[in-house]
Amino acid sequence: MPLIDTEEAARRLARAIASDLSLYNEDKIVRGIEEDRLFEELEDEIEEGRALYKSRVSPELYQRNFYDRALVDILVRSKGHVKSEIW
């Protein structure tokens, strides 16, 4: 399978992976936000997603941090309603 080499496709893949993390790990995400340890709570899942993302996009696009941005948008920003001391 050829590597993704367009910014739009790389962003789409990053968001799809982050969406899957959100869908399948709702309890961990809520607990992680409530306890201010989201990234520790999901460390294994995030790294598995990162490895998948890295294997599918060109090195130039990987360096642009689309995956990390998608994690913040989908795992953090969309959970603004969860009570937490961090906001």
C-alpha atoms as a PDB file:
ATOM      1  CA  MET A   1       0.000   0.000   0.000  1.00  0.00           C
ATOM      2  CA  PRO A   2       1.488   3.380  -0.956  1.00  0.00           C
ATOM      3  CA  LEU A   3       2.101   5.976   1.730  1.00  0.00           C
ATOM      4  CA  ILE A   4      -0.346   8.840   2.104  1.00  0.00           C
ATOM      5  CA  ASP A   5       1.288  11.908   0.641  1.00  0.00           C
ATOM      6  CA  THR A   6      -1.386  14.607   0.799  1.00  0.00           C
ATOM      7  CA  GLU A   7      -2.063  16.816   3.795  1.00  0.00           C
ATOM      8  CA  GLU A   8      -5.828  16.329   3.556  1.00  0.00           C
ATOM      9  CA  ALA A   9      -5.581  12.534   3.580  1.00  0.00           C
ATOM     10  CA  ALA A  10      -3.065  12.588   6.453  1.00  0.00           C
ATOM     11  CA  ARG A  11      -5.361  14.804   8.532  1.00  0.00           C
ATOM     12  CA  ARG A  12      -8.314  12.554   7.737  1.00  0.00           C
ATOM     13  CA  LEU A  13      -6.412   9.435   8.826  1.00  0.00           C
ATOM     14  CA  ALA A  14      -5.237  11.115  12.044  1.00  0.00           C
ATOM     15  CA  ARG A  15      -8.797  12.129  12.897  1.00  0.00           C
ATOM     16  CA  ALA A  16     -10.135   8.663  12.092  1.00  0.00           C
ATOM     17  CA  ILE A  17      -7.620   7.020  14.427  1.00  0.00           C
ATOM     18  CA  ALA A  18      -8.350   9.550  17.191  1.00  0.00           C
ATOM     19  CA  SER A  19     -12.094   9.032  16.686  1.00  0.00           C
ATOM     20  CA  ASP A  20     -11.669   5.287  17.084  1.00  0.00           C
ATOM     21  CA  LEU A  21      -9.716   5.873  20.293  1.00  0.00           C
ATOM     22  CA  SER A  22     -12.541   8.053  21.554  1.00  0.00           C
ATOM     23  CA  LEU A  23     -15.236   5.607  20.566  1.00  0.00           C
ATOM     24  CA  TYR A  24     -13.661   2.541  22.147  1.00  0.00           C
ATOM     25  CA  ASN A  25     -12.168   4.161  25.267  1.00  0.00           C
ATOM     26  CA  GLU A  26     -14.840   6.546  26.555  1.00  0.00           C
ATOM     27  CA  ASP A  27     -14.522   5.420  30.197  1.00  0.00           C
ATOM     28  CA  LYS A  28     -10.734   5.756  30.183  1.00  0.00           C
ATOM     29  CA  ILE A  29     -10.956   9.201  28.601  1.00  0.00           C
ATOM     30  CA  VAL A  30     -13.444  10.505  31.153  1.00  0.00           C
ATOM     31  CA  ARG A  31     -11.434   9.030  34.038  1.00  0.00           C
ATOM     32  CA  GLY A  32      -8.203  10.428  32.591  1.00  0.00           C
ATOM     33  CA  ILE A  33      -9.642  13.924  32.275  1.00  0.00           C
ATOM     34  CA  GLU A  34     -11.217  13.832  35.732  1.00  0.00           C
ATOM     35  CA  GLU A  35      -7.921  12.727  37.282  1.00  0.00           C
ATOM     36  CA  ASP A  36      -5.712  14.912  35.032  1.00  0.00           C
ATOM     37  CA  ARG A  37      -3.892  11.904  33.624  1.00  0.00           C
ATOM     38  CA  LEU A  38      -5.501  11.413  30.228  1.00  0.00           C
ATOM     39  CA  PHE A  39      -2.338  10.675  28.296  1.00  0.00           C
ATOM     40  CA  GLU A  40      -1.074   8.238  30.923  1.00  0.00           C
ATOM     41  CA  GLU A  41      -4.462   6.507  30.992  1.00  0.00           C
ATOM     42  CA  LEU A  42      -4.435   6.004  27.204  1.00  0.00           C
ATOM     43  CA  GLU A  43      -0.684   5.637  26.683  1.00  0.00           C
ATOM     44  CA  ASP A  44      -0.795   2.193  25.064  1.00  0.00           C
ATOM     45  CA  GLU A  45      -3.746   3.015  22.809  1.00  0.00           C
ATOM     46  CA  ILE A  46      -2.254   6.359  21.749  1.00  0.00           C
ATOM     47  CA  GLU A  47       1.085   4.775  20.884  1.00  0.00           C
ATOM     48  CA  GLU A  48      -0.600   1.978  18.942  1.00  0.00           C
ATOM     49  CA  GLY A  49      -2.505   4.607  16.965  1.00  0.00           C
ATOM     50  CA  ARG A  50       0.684   6.613  16.434  1.00  0.00           C
ATOM     51  CA  ALA A  51       2.468   3.542  15.053  1.00  0.00           C
ATOM     52  CA  LEU A  52      -0.407   2.905  12.647  1.00  0.00           C
ATOM     53  CA  TYR A  53      -0.430   6.551  11.552  1.00  0.00           C
ATOM     54  CA  LYS A  54       3.342   6.603  11.064  1.00  0.00           C
ATOM     55  CA  SER A  55       3.200   3.433   8.963  1.00  0.00           C
ATOM     56  CA  ARG A  56       0.606   4.938   6.622  1.00  0.00           C
ATOM     57  CA  VAL A  57       1.859   8.491   5.945  1.00  0.00           C
ATOM     58  CA  SER A  58       4.991   9.882   4.338  1.00  0.00           C
ATOM     59  CA  PRO A  59       7.778  10.917   6.738  1.00  0.00           C
ATOM     60  CA  GLU A  60       7.330  14.561   5.756  1.00  0.00           C
ATOM     61  CA  LEU A  61       3.663  14.524   6.750  1.00  0.00           C
ATOM     62  CA  TYR A  62       4.316  12.525   9.907  1.00  0.00           C
ATOM     63  CA  GLN A  63       6.584  15.312  11.144  1.00  0.00           C
ATOM     64  CA  ARG A  64       3.730  17.846  10.867  1.00  0.00           C
ATOM     65  CA  ASN A  65       2.030  16.494  14.033  1.00  0.00           C
ATOM     66  CA  PHE A  66      -1.432  15.992  12.547  1.00  0.00           C
ATOM     67  CA  TYR A  67      -1.911  12.963  14.784  1.00  0.00           C
ATOM     68  CA  ASP A  68      -1.170  14.872  17.998  1.00  0.00           C
ATOM     69  CA  ARG A  69      -3.478  17.703  16.931  1.00  0.00           C
ATOM     70  CA  ALA A  70      -6.269  15.222  16.220  1.00  0.00           C
ATOM     71  CA  LEU A  71      -5.820  13.700  19.683  1.00  0.00           C
ATOM     72  CA  VAL A  72      -6.250  17.089  21.323  1.00  0.00           C
ATOM     73  CA  ASP A  73      -9.243  18.012  19.142  1.00  0.00           C
ATOM     74  CA  ILE A  74     -11.076  14.745  19.591  1.00  0.00           C
ATOM     75  CA  LEU A  75     -10.006  13.402  22.981  1.00  0.00           C
ATOM     76  CA  VAL A  76      -9.693  16.664  24.886  1.00  0.00           C
ATOM     77  CA  ARG A  77     -11.673  19.480  23.289  1.00  0.00           C
ATOM     78  CA  SER A  78     -14.751  17.357  22.672  1.00  0.00           C
ATOM     79  CA  LYS A  79     -14.816  16.394  26.364  1.00  0.00           C
ATOM     80  CA  GLY A  80     -15.017  19.937  27.724  1.00  0.00           C
ATOM     81  CA  HIS A  81     -18.188  18.979  29.583  1.00  0.00           C
ATOM     82  CA  VAL A  82     -16.311  16.511  31.821  1.00  0.00           C
ATOM     83  CA  LYS A  83     -15.609  17.987  35.262  1.00  0.00           C
ATOM     84  CA  SER A  84     -11.911  18.481  35.822  1.00  0.00           C
ATOM     85  CA  GLU A  85      -9.607  20.690  37.819  1.00  0.00           C
ATOM     86  CA  ILE A  86      -7.590  21.405  34.670  1.00  0.00           C
ATOM     87  CA  TRP A  87     -10.365  23.646  33.303  1.00  0.00           C
END
